[in-house]
């Protein structure tokens, strides 16, 4: 399991994260997207579409980790 360190404190379902564990990436060729799941190592999990178009997408683990981090930091509220 890989840990993603966030550049800011993010609130997801009332929980504050400064980092989270990647649980899996699902590449859905029929739906042309990548779904990712992450959260606490044991317990709470959240999921989201991190790539909505596979055409030309870099599907390496590093690129998926970066896309997941960017999605979380740009789509969930920051804990100020």
PDB file of N, CA and C in Angstrom:
ATOM      1  N   UNK A   1       0.849  -1.173   0.000  1.00  0.00           N
ATOM      2  CA  UNK A   1       0.000   0.000   0.000  1.00  0.00           C
ATOM      3  C   UNK A   1       0.896   1.237   0.000  1.00  0.00           C
ATOM      4  N   UNK A   2       0.578   2.182  -0.852  1.00  0.00           N
ATOM      5  CA  UNK A   2       1.346   3.410  -0.976  1.00  0.00           C
ATOM      6  C   UNK A   2       0.677   4.524  -0.170  1.00  0.00           C
ATOM      7  N   UNK A   3       1.477   5.389   0.442  1.00  0.00           N
ATOM      8  CA  UNK A   3       0.961   6.540   1.188  1.00  0.00           C
ATOM      9  C   UNK A   3       1.175   7.804   0.369  1.00  0.00           C
ATOM     10  N   UNK A   4       0.121   8.597   0.236  1.00  0.00           N
ATOM     11  CA  UNK A   4       0.205   9.888  -0.441  1.00  0.00           C
ATOM     12  C   UNK A   4       0.185  10.973   0.624  1.00  0.00           C
ATOM     13  N   UNK A   5       1.212  11.825   0.610  1.00  0.00           N
ATOM     14  CA  UNK A   5       1.295  12.961   1.530  1.00  0.00           C
ATOM     15  C   UNK A   5       0.695  14.177   0.847  1.00  0.00           C
ATOM     16  N   UNK A   6      -0.263  14.800   1.498  1.00  0.00           N
ATOM     17  CA  UNK A   6      -0.941  15.960   0.943  1.00  0.00           C
ATOM     18  C   UNK A   6      -0.187  17.240   1.300  1.00  0.00           C
ATOM     19  N   UNK A   7      -0.333  18.259   0.469  1.00  0.00           N
ATOM     20  CA  UNK A   7       0.349  19.530   0.727  1.00  0.00           C
ATOM     21  C   UNK A   7      -0.448  20.428   1.666  1.00  0.00           C
ATOM     22  N   UNK A   8      -1.674  20.002   2.000  1.00  0.00           N
ATOM     23  CA  UNK A   8      -2.514  20.758   2.930  1.00  0.00           C
ATOM     24  C   UNK A   8      -3.451  19.795   3.635  1.00  0.00           C
ATOM     25  N   UNK A   9      -4.072  20.261   4.691  1.00  0.00           N
ATOM     26  CA  UNK A   9      -5.016  19.426   5.453  1.00  0.00           C
ATOM     27  C   UNK A   9      -6.359  19.420   4.732  1.00  0.00           C
ATOM     28  N   UNK A  10      -6.850  18.228   4.416  1.00  0.00           N
ATOM     29  CA  UNK A  10      -8.070  18.065   3.635  1.00  0.00           C
ATOM     30  C   UNK A  10      -9.132  17.369   4.482  1.00  0.00           C
ATOM     31  N   UNK A  11     -10.385  17.814   4.333  1.00  0.00           N
ATOM     32  CA  UNK A  11     -11.508  17.201   5.052  1.00  0.00           C
ATOM     33  C   UNK A  11     -12.272  16.288   4.085  1.00  0.00           C
ATOM     34  N   UNK A  12     -12.394  15.025   4.462  1.00  0.00           N
ATOM     35  CA  UNK A  12     -13.152  14.057   3.681  1.00  0.00           C
ATOM     36  C   UNK A  12     -14.121  13.368   4.636  1.00  0.00           C
ATOM     37  N   UNK A  13     -15.401  13.555   4.389  1.00  0.00           N
ATOM     38  CA  UNK A  13     -16.450  12.976   5.244  1.00  0.00           C
ATOM     39  C   UNK A  13     -16.221  13.270   6.726  1.00  0.00           C
ATOM     40  N   UNK A  14     -15.860  14.518   7.023  1.00  0.00           N
ATOM     41  CA  UNK A  14     -15.688  14.938   8.408  1.00  0.00           C
ATOM     42  C   UNK A  14     -14.373  14.526   9.047  1.00  0.00           C
ATOM     43  N   UNK A  15     -13.503  13.871   8.304  1.00  0.00           N
ATOM     44  CA  UNK A  15     -12.203  13.443   8.826  1.00  0.00           C
ATOM     45  C   UNK A  15     -11.118  14.308   8.193  1.00  0.00           C
ATOM     46  N   UNK A  16     -10.096  14.641   8.973  1.00  0.00           N
ATOM     47  CA  UNK A  16      -9.011  15.477   8.483  1.00  0.00           C
ATOM     48  C   UNK A  16      -7.839  14.578   8.088  1.00  0.00           C
ATOM     49  N   UNK A  17      -7.351  14.794   6.863  1.00  0.00           N
ATOM     50  CA  UNK A  17      -6.232  14.010   6.343  1.00  0.00           C
ATOM     51  C   UNK A  17      -5.062  14.916   5.984  1.00  0.00           C
ATOM     52  N   UNK A  18      -3.872  14.515   6.357  1.00  0.00           N
ATOM     53  CA  UNK A  18      -2.642  15.125   5.859  1.00  0.00           C
ATOM     54  C   UNK A  18      -1.921  14.120   4.965  1.00  0.00           C
ATOM     55  N   UNK A  19      -2.363  12.876   5.040  1.00  0.00           N
ATOM     56  CA  UNK A  19      -1.877  11.805   4.189  1.00  0.00           C
ATOM     57  C   UNK A  19      -2.949  10.715   4.158  1.00  0.00           C
ATOM     58  N   UNK A  20      -2.871   9.851   3.158  1.00  0.00           N
ATOM     59  CA  UNK A  20      -3.795   8.727   3.105  1.00  0.00           C
ATOM     60  C   UNK A  20      -3.139   7.581   2.351  1.00  0.00           C
ATOM     61  N   UNK A  21      -3.656   6.399   2.581  1.00  0.00           N
ATOM     62  CA  UNK A  21      -3.149   5.204   1.914  1.00  0.00           C
ATOM     63  C   UNK A  21      -3.962   4.935   0.655  1.00  0.00           C
ATOM     64  N   UNK A  22      -3.264   4.598  -0.424  1.00  0.00           N
ATOM     65  CA  UNK A  22      -3.933   4.179  -1.650  1.00  0.00           C
ATOM     66  C   UNK A  22      -4.350   2.728  -1.450  1.00  0.00           C
ATOM     67  N   UNK A  23      -5.627   2.447  -1.663  1.00  0.00           N
ATOM     68  CA  UNK A  23      -6.116   1.072  -1.508  1.00  0.00           C
ATOM     69  C   UNK A  23      -6.171   0.355  -2.848  1.00  0.00           C
ATOM     70  N   UNK A  24      -6.624   1.020  -3.896  1.00  0.00           N
ATOM     71  CA  UNK A  24      -6.577   0.408  -5.229  1.00  0.00           C
ATOM     72  C   UNK A  24      -6.866   1.444  -6.307  1.00  0.00           C
ATOM     73  N   UNK A  25      -6.457   1.107  -7.536  1.00  0.00           N
ATOM     74  CA  UNK A  25      -6.827   1.841  -8.734  1.00  0.00           C
ATOM     75  C   UNK A  25      -7.587   0.874  -9.628  1.00  0.00           C
ATOM     76  N   UNK A  26      -8.728   1.288 -10.109  1.00  0.00           N
ATOM     77  CA  UNK A  26      -9.508   0.475 -11.037  1.00  0.00           C
ATOM     78  C   UNK A  26      -9.560   1.157 -12.387  1.00  0.00           C
ATOM     79  N   UNK A  27      -8.992   0.510 -13.388  1.00  0.00           N
ATOM     80  CA  UNK A  27      -9.017   1.054 -14.748  1.00  0.00           C
ATOM     81  C   UNK A  27     -10.213   0.435 -15.454  1.00  0.00           C
ATOM     82  N   UNK A  28     -11.158   1.266 -15.828  1.00  0.00           N
ATOM     83  CA  UNK A  28     -12.407   0.821 -16.438  1.00  0.00           C
ATOM     84  C   UNK A  28     -12.404   1.215 -17.914  1.00  0.00           C
ATOM     85  N   UNK A  29     -11.986   0.282 -18.751  1.00  0.00           N
ATOM     86  CA  UNK A  29     -11.898   0.580 -20.188  1.00  0.00           C
ATOM     87  C   UNK A  29     -13.276   0.813 -20.801  1.00  0.00           C
ATOM     88  N   UNK A  30     -14.286   0.081 -20.344  1.00  0.00           N
ATOM     89  CA  UNK A  30     -15.647   0.268 -20.881  1.00  0.00           C
ATOM     90  C   UNK A  30     -16.201   1.652 -20.568  1.00  0.00           C
ATOM     91  N   UNK A  31     -15.874   2.191 -19.392  1.00  0.00           N
ATOM     92  CA  UNK A  31     -16.356   3.513 -18.988  1.00  0.00           C
ATOM     93  C   UNK A  31     -15.327   4.611 -19.240  1.00  0.00           C
ATOM     94  N   UNK A  32     -14.136   4.228 -19.756  1.00  0.00           N
ATOM     95  CA  UNK A  32     -13.090   5.189 -20.137  1.00  0.00           C
ATOM     96  C   UNK A  32     -12.624   6.041 -18.956  1.00  0.00           C
ATOM     97  N   UNK A  33     -12.424   5.396 -17.780  1.00  0.00           N
ATOM     98  CA  UNK A  33     -12.039   6.171 -16.596  1.00  0.00           C
ATOM     99  C   UNK A  33     -11.174   5.340 -15.651  1.00  0.00           C
ATOM    100  N   UNK A  34     -10.606   6.029 -14.677  1.00  0.00           N
ATOM    101  CA  UNK A  34      -9.874   5.382 -13.588  1.00  0.00           C
ATOM    102  C   UNK A  34     -10.534   5.787 -12.278  1.00  0.00           C
ATOM    103  N   UNK A  35     -10.881   4.797 -11.468  1.00  0.00           N
ATOM    104  CA  UNK A  35     -11.438   5.017 -10.144  1.00  0.00           C
ATOM    105  C   UNK A  35     -10.344   4.671  -9.137  1.00  0.00           C
ATOM    106  N   UNK A  36     -10.237   5.482  -8.105  1.00  0.00           N
ATOM    107  CA  UNK A  36      -9.240   5.244  -7.067  1.00  0.00           C
ATOM    108  C   UNK A  36      -9.929   5.173  -5.713  1.00  0.00           C
ATOM    109  N   UNK A  37      -9.359   4.382  -4.824  1.00  0.00           N
ATOM    110  CA  UNK A  37      -9.856   4.305  -3.445  1.00  0.00           C
ATOM    111  C   UNK A  37      -8.682   4.509  -2.513  1.00  0.00           C
ATOM    112  N   UNK A  38      -8.932   5.239  -1.440  1.00  0.00           N
ATOM    113  CA  UNK A  38      -7.894   5.506  -0.454  1.00  0.00           C
ATOM    114  C   UNK A  38      -8.526   5.755   0.892  1.00  0.00           C
ATOM    115  N   UNK A  39      -7.685   6.004   1.881  1.00  0.00           N
ATOM    116  CA  UNK A  39      -8.189   6.298   3.216  1.00  0.00           C
ATOM    117  C   UNK A  39      -7.216   5.875   4.279  1.00  0.00           C
ATOM    118  N   UNK A  40      -7.753   5.498   5.420  1.00  0.00           N
ATOM    119  CA  UNK A  40      -6.934   5.034   6.529  1.00  0.00           C
ATOM    120  C   UNK A  40      -6.460   3.618   6.216  1.00  0.00           C
ATOM    121  N   UNK A  41      -5.271   3.229   6.701  1.00  0.00           N
ATOM    122  CA  UNK A  41      -4.770   1.884   6.402  1.00  0.00           C
ATOM    123  C   UNK A  41      -5.775   0.782   6.761  1.00  0.00           C
ATOM    124  N   UNK A  42      -6.437   0.946   7.880  1.00  0.00           N
ATOM    125  CA  UNK A  42      -7.482   0.013   8.283  1.00  0.00           C
ATOM    126  C   UNK A  42      -8.697   0.863   8.643  1.00  0.00           C
ATOM    127  N   UNK A  43      -9.814   0.627   7.984  1.00  0.00           N
ATOM    128  CA  UNK A  43     -11.014   1.378   8.324  1.00  0.00           C
ATOM    129  C   UNK A  43     -11.523   2.229   7.188  1.00  0.00           C
ATOM    130  N   UNK A  44     -11.720   3.513   7.452  1.00  0.00           N
ATOM    131  CA  UNK A  44     -12.370   4.447   6.548  1.00  0.00           C
ATOM    132  C   UNK A  44     -11.766   4.423   5.137  1.00  0.00           C
ATOM    133  N   UNK A  45     -12.638   4.341   4.131  1.00  0.00           N
ATOM    134  CA  UNK A  45     -12.221   4.354   2.726  1.00  0.00           C
ATOM    135  C   UNK A  45     -13.114   5.310   1.950  1.00  0.00           C
ATOM    136  N   UNK A  46     -12.530   6.042   1.013  1.00  0.00           N
ATOM    137  CA  UNK A  46     -13.291   6.882   0.093  1.00  0.00           C
ATOM    138  C   UNK A  46     -12.838   6.542  -1.323  1.00  0.00           C
ATOM    139  N   UNK A  47     -13.683   6.841  -2.292  1.00  0.00           N
ATOM    140  CA  UNK A  47     -13.307   6.575  -3.680  1.00  0.00           C
ATOM    141  C   UNK A  47     -13.757   7.725  -4.571  1.00  0.00           C
ATOM    142  N   UNK A  48     -13.119   7.844  -5.741  1.00  0.00           N
ATOM    143  CA  UNK A  48     -13.446   8.906  -6.678  1.00  0.00           C
ATOM    144  C   UNK A  48     -12.887   8.568  -8.061  1.00  0.00           C
ATOM    145  N   UNK A  49     -13.450   9.216  -9.082  1.00  0.00           N
ATOM    146  CA  UNK A  49     -12.914   9.117 -10.442  1.00  0.00           C
ATOM    147  C   UNK A  49     -11.759  10.095 -10.535  1.00  0.00           C
ATOM    148  N   UNK A  50     -10.553   9.602 -10.791  1.00  0.00           N
ATOM    149  CA  UNK A  50      -9.407  10.518 -10.872  1.00  0.00           C
ATOM    150  C   UNK A  50      -9.032  10.836 -12.312  1.00  0.00           C
ATOM    151  N   UNK A  51      -9.432   9.983 -13.251  1.00  0.00           N
ATOM    152  CA  UNK A  51      -9.202  10.237 -14.670  1.00  0.00           C
ATOM    153  C   UNK A  51     -10.507   9.911 -15.393  1.00  0.00           C
ATOM    154  N   UNK A  52     -11.022  10.880 -16.145  1.00  0.00           N
ATOM    155  CA  UNK A  52     -12.301  10.706 -16.830  1.00  0.00           C
ATOM    156  C   UNK A  52     -12.152  10.334 -18.297  1.00  0.00           C
ATOM    157  N   UNK A  53     -10.933  10.326 -18.809  1.00  0.00           N
ATOM    158  CA  UNK A  53     -10.709   9.988 -20.217  1.00  0.00           C
ATOM    159  C   UNK A  53      -9.369   9.276 -20.335  1.00  0.00           C
ATOM    160  N   UNK A  54      -9.392   8.021 -20.740  1.00  0.00           N
ATOM    161  CA  UNK A  54      -8.162   7.230 -20.833  1.00  0.00           C
ATOM    162  C   UNK A  54      -7.327   7.551 -22.062  1.00  0.00           C
ATOM    163  N   UNK A  55      -7.895   8.242 -23.041  1.00  0.00           N
ATOM    164  CA  UNK A  55      -7.163   8.543 -24.273  1.00  0.00           C
ATOM    165  C   UNK A  55      -5.922   9.370 -23.972  1.00  0.00           C
ATOM    166  N   UNK A  56      -4.764   8.779 -24.180  1.00  0.00           N
ATOM    167  CA  UNK A  56      -3.498   9.460 -23.952  1.00  0.00           C
ATOM    168  C   UNK A  56      -3.088   9.565 -22.496  1.00  0.00           C
ATOM    169  N   UNK A  57      -3.856   8.979 -21.582  1.00  0.00           N
ATOM    170  CA  UNK A  57      -3.548   9.081 -20.149  1.00  0.00           C
ATOM    171  C   UNK A  57      -2.345   8.213 -19.793  1.00  0.00           C
ATOM    172  N   UNK A  58      -1.493   8.746 -18.932  1.00  0.00           N
ATOM    173  CA  UNK A  58      -0.358   7.992 -18.387  1.00  0.00           C
ATOM    174  C   UNK A  58      -0.900   7.149 -17.239  1.00  0.00           C
ATOM    175  N   UNK A  59      -0.839   5.836 -17.373  1.00  0.00           N
ATOM    176  CA  UNK A  59      -1.389   4.944 -16.355  1.00  0.00           C
ATOM    177  C   UNK A  59      -0.311   4.307 -15.486  1.00  0.00           C
ATOM    178  N   UNK A  60       0.867   4.927 -15.438  1.00  0.00           N
ATOM    179  CA  UNK A  60       1.921   4.429 -14.542  1.00  0.00           C
ATOM    180  C   UNK A  60       1.504   4.698 -13.097  1.00  0.00           C
ATOM    181  N   UNK A  61       2.053   3.949 -12.179  1.00  0.00           N
ATOM    182  CA  UNK A  61       1.712   4.133 -10.757  1.00  0.00           C
ATOM    183  C   UNK A  61       2.034   5.551 -10.298  1.00  0.00           C
ATOM    184  N   UNK A  62       3.180   6.086 -10.685  1.00  0.00           N
ATOM    185  CA  UNK A  62       3.530   7.459 -10.279  1.00  0.00           C
ATOM    186  C   UNK A  62       2.504   8.466 -10.796  1.00  0.00           C
ATOM    187  N   UNK A  63       2.079   8.305 -12.043  1.00  0.00           N
ATOM    188  CA  UNK A  63       1.096   9.227 -12.613  1.00  0.00           C
ATOM    189  C   UNK A  63      -0.255   9.075 -11.926  1.00  0.00           C
ATOM    190  N   UNK A  64      -0.658   7.839 -11.619  1.00  0.00           N
ATOM    191  CA  UNK A  64      -1.929   7.632 -10.914  1.00  0.00           C
ATOM    192  C   UNK A  64      -1.875   8.226  -9.514  1.00  0.00           C
ATOM    193  N   UNK A  65      -0.752   8.061  -8.812  1.00  0.00           N
ATOM    194  CA  UNK A  65      -0.606   8.654  -7.473  1.00  0.00           C
ATOM    195  C   UNK A  65      -0.705  10.175  -7.544  1.00  0.00           C
ATOM    196  N   UNK A  66      -0.061  10.765  -8.531  1.00  0.00           N
ATOM    197  CA  UNK A  66      -0.113  12.224  -8.698  1.00  0.00           C
ATOM    198  C   UNK A  66      -1.532  12.675  -9.032  1.00  0.00           C
ATOM    199  N   UNK A  67      -2.203  11.956  -9.923  1.00  0.00           N
ATOM    200  CA  UNK A  67      -3.579  12.305 -10.269  1.00  0.00           C
ATOM    201  C   UNK A  67      -4.500  12.194  -9.062  1.00  0.00           C
ATOM    202  N   UNK A  68      -4.298  11.155  -8.244  1.00  0.00           N
ATOM    203  CA  UNK A  68      -5.118  10.958  -7.040  1.00  0.00           C
ATOM    204  C   UNK A  68      -4.878  12.102  -6.059  1.00  0.00           C
ATOM    205  N   UNK A  69      -3.625  12.455  -5.817  1.00  0.00           N
ATOM    206  CA  UNK A  69      -3.312  13.561  -4.916  1.00  0.00           C
ATOM    207  C   UNK A  69      -3.925  14.860  -5.433  1.00  0.00           C
ATOM    208  N   UNK A  70      -3.753  15.150  -6.710  1.00  0.00           N
ATOM    209  CA  UNK A  70      -4.302  16.381  -7.278  1.00  0.00           C
ATOM    210  C   UNK A  70      -5.817  16.416  -7.170  1.00  0.00           C
ATOM    211  N   UNK A  71      -6.458  15.283  -7.443  1.00  0.00           N
ATOM    212  CA  UNK A  71      -7.920  15.235  -7.348  1.00  0.00           C
ATOM    213  C   UNK A  71      -8.372  15.554  -5.919  1.00  0.00           C
ATOM    214  N   UNK A  72      -7.757  14.904  -4.949  1.00  0.00           N
ATOM    215  CA  UNK A  72      -8.153  15.101  -3.547  1.00  0.00           C
ATOM    216  C   UNK A  72      -7.918  16.551  -3.125  1.00  0.00           C
ATOM    217  N   UNK A  73      -6.757  17.093  -3.449  1.00  0.00           N
ATOM    218  CA  UNK A  73      -6.445  18.461  -3.028  1.00  0.00           C
ATOM    219  C   UNK A  73      -7.312  19.513  -3.713  1.00  0.00           C
ATOM    220  N   UNK A  74      -7.827  19.212  -4.894  1.00  0.00           N
ATOM    221  CA  UNK A  74      -8.624  20.187  -5.645  1.00  0.00           C
ATOM    222  C   UNK A  74     -10.132  20.001  -5.517  1.00  0.00           C
ATOM    223  N   UNK A  75     -10.574  18.875  -4.955  1.00  0.00           N
ATOM    224  CA  UNK A  75     -12.009  18.606  -4.927  1.00  0.00           C
ATOM    225  C   UNK A  75     -12.591  18.386  -3.537  1.00  0.00           C
ATOM    226  N   UNK A  76     -11.766  18.380  -2.523  1.00  0.00           N
ATOM    227  CA  UNK A  76     -12.250  18.271  -1.136  1.00  0.00           C
ATOM    228  C   UNK A  76     -11.845  19.534  -0.404  1.00  0.00           C
ATOM    229  N   UNK A  77     -12.622  19.959   0.581  1.00  0.00           N
ATOM    230  CA  UNK A  77     -12.320  21.209   1.275  1.00  0.00           C
ATOM    231  C   UNK A  77     -11.055  21.124   2.134  1.00  0.00           C
ATOM    232  N   UNK A  78     -10.379  22.248   2.216  1.00  0.00           N
ATOM    233  CA  UNK A  78      -9.190  22.353   3.051  1.00  0.00           C
ATOM    234  C   UNK A  78      -9.604  22.679   4.483  1.00  0.00           C
ATOM    235  N   UNK A  79      -8.897  22.078   5.446  1.00  0.00           N
ATOM    236  CA  UNK A  79      -9.118  22.397   6.867  1.00  0.00           C
ATOM    237  C   UNK A  79      -8.266  23.616   7.188  1.00  0.00           C
ATOM    238  N   UNK A  80      -8.926  24.737   7.372  1.00  0.00           N
ATOM    239  CA  UNK A  80      -8.205  25.984   7.662  1.00  0.00           C
ATOM    240  C   UNK A  80      -8.114  26.109   9.134  1.00  0.00           C
TER     241      UNK A  80
END
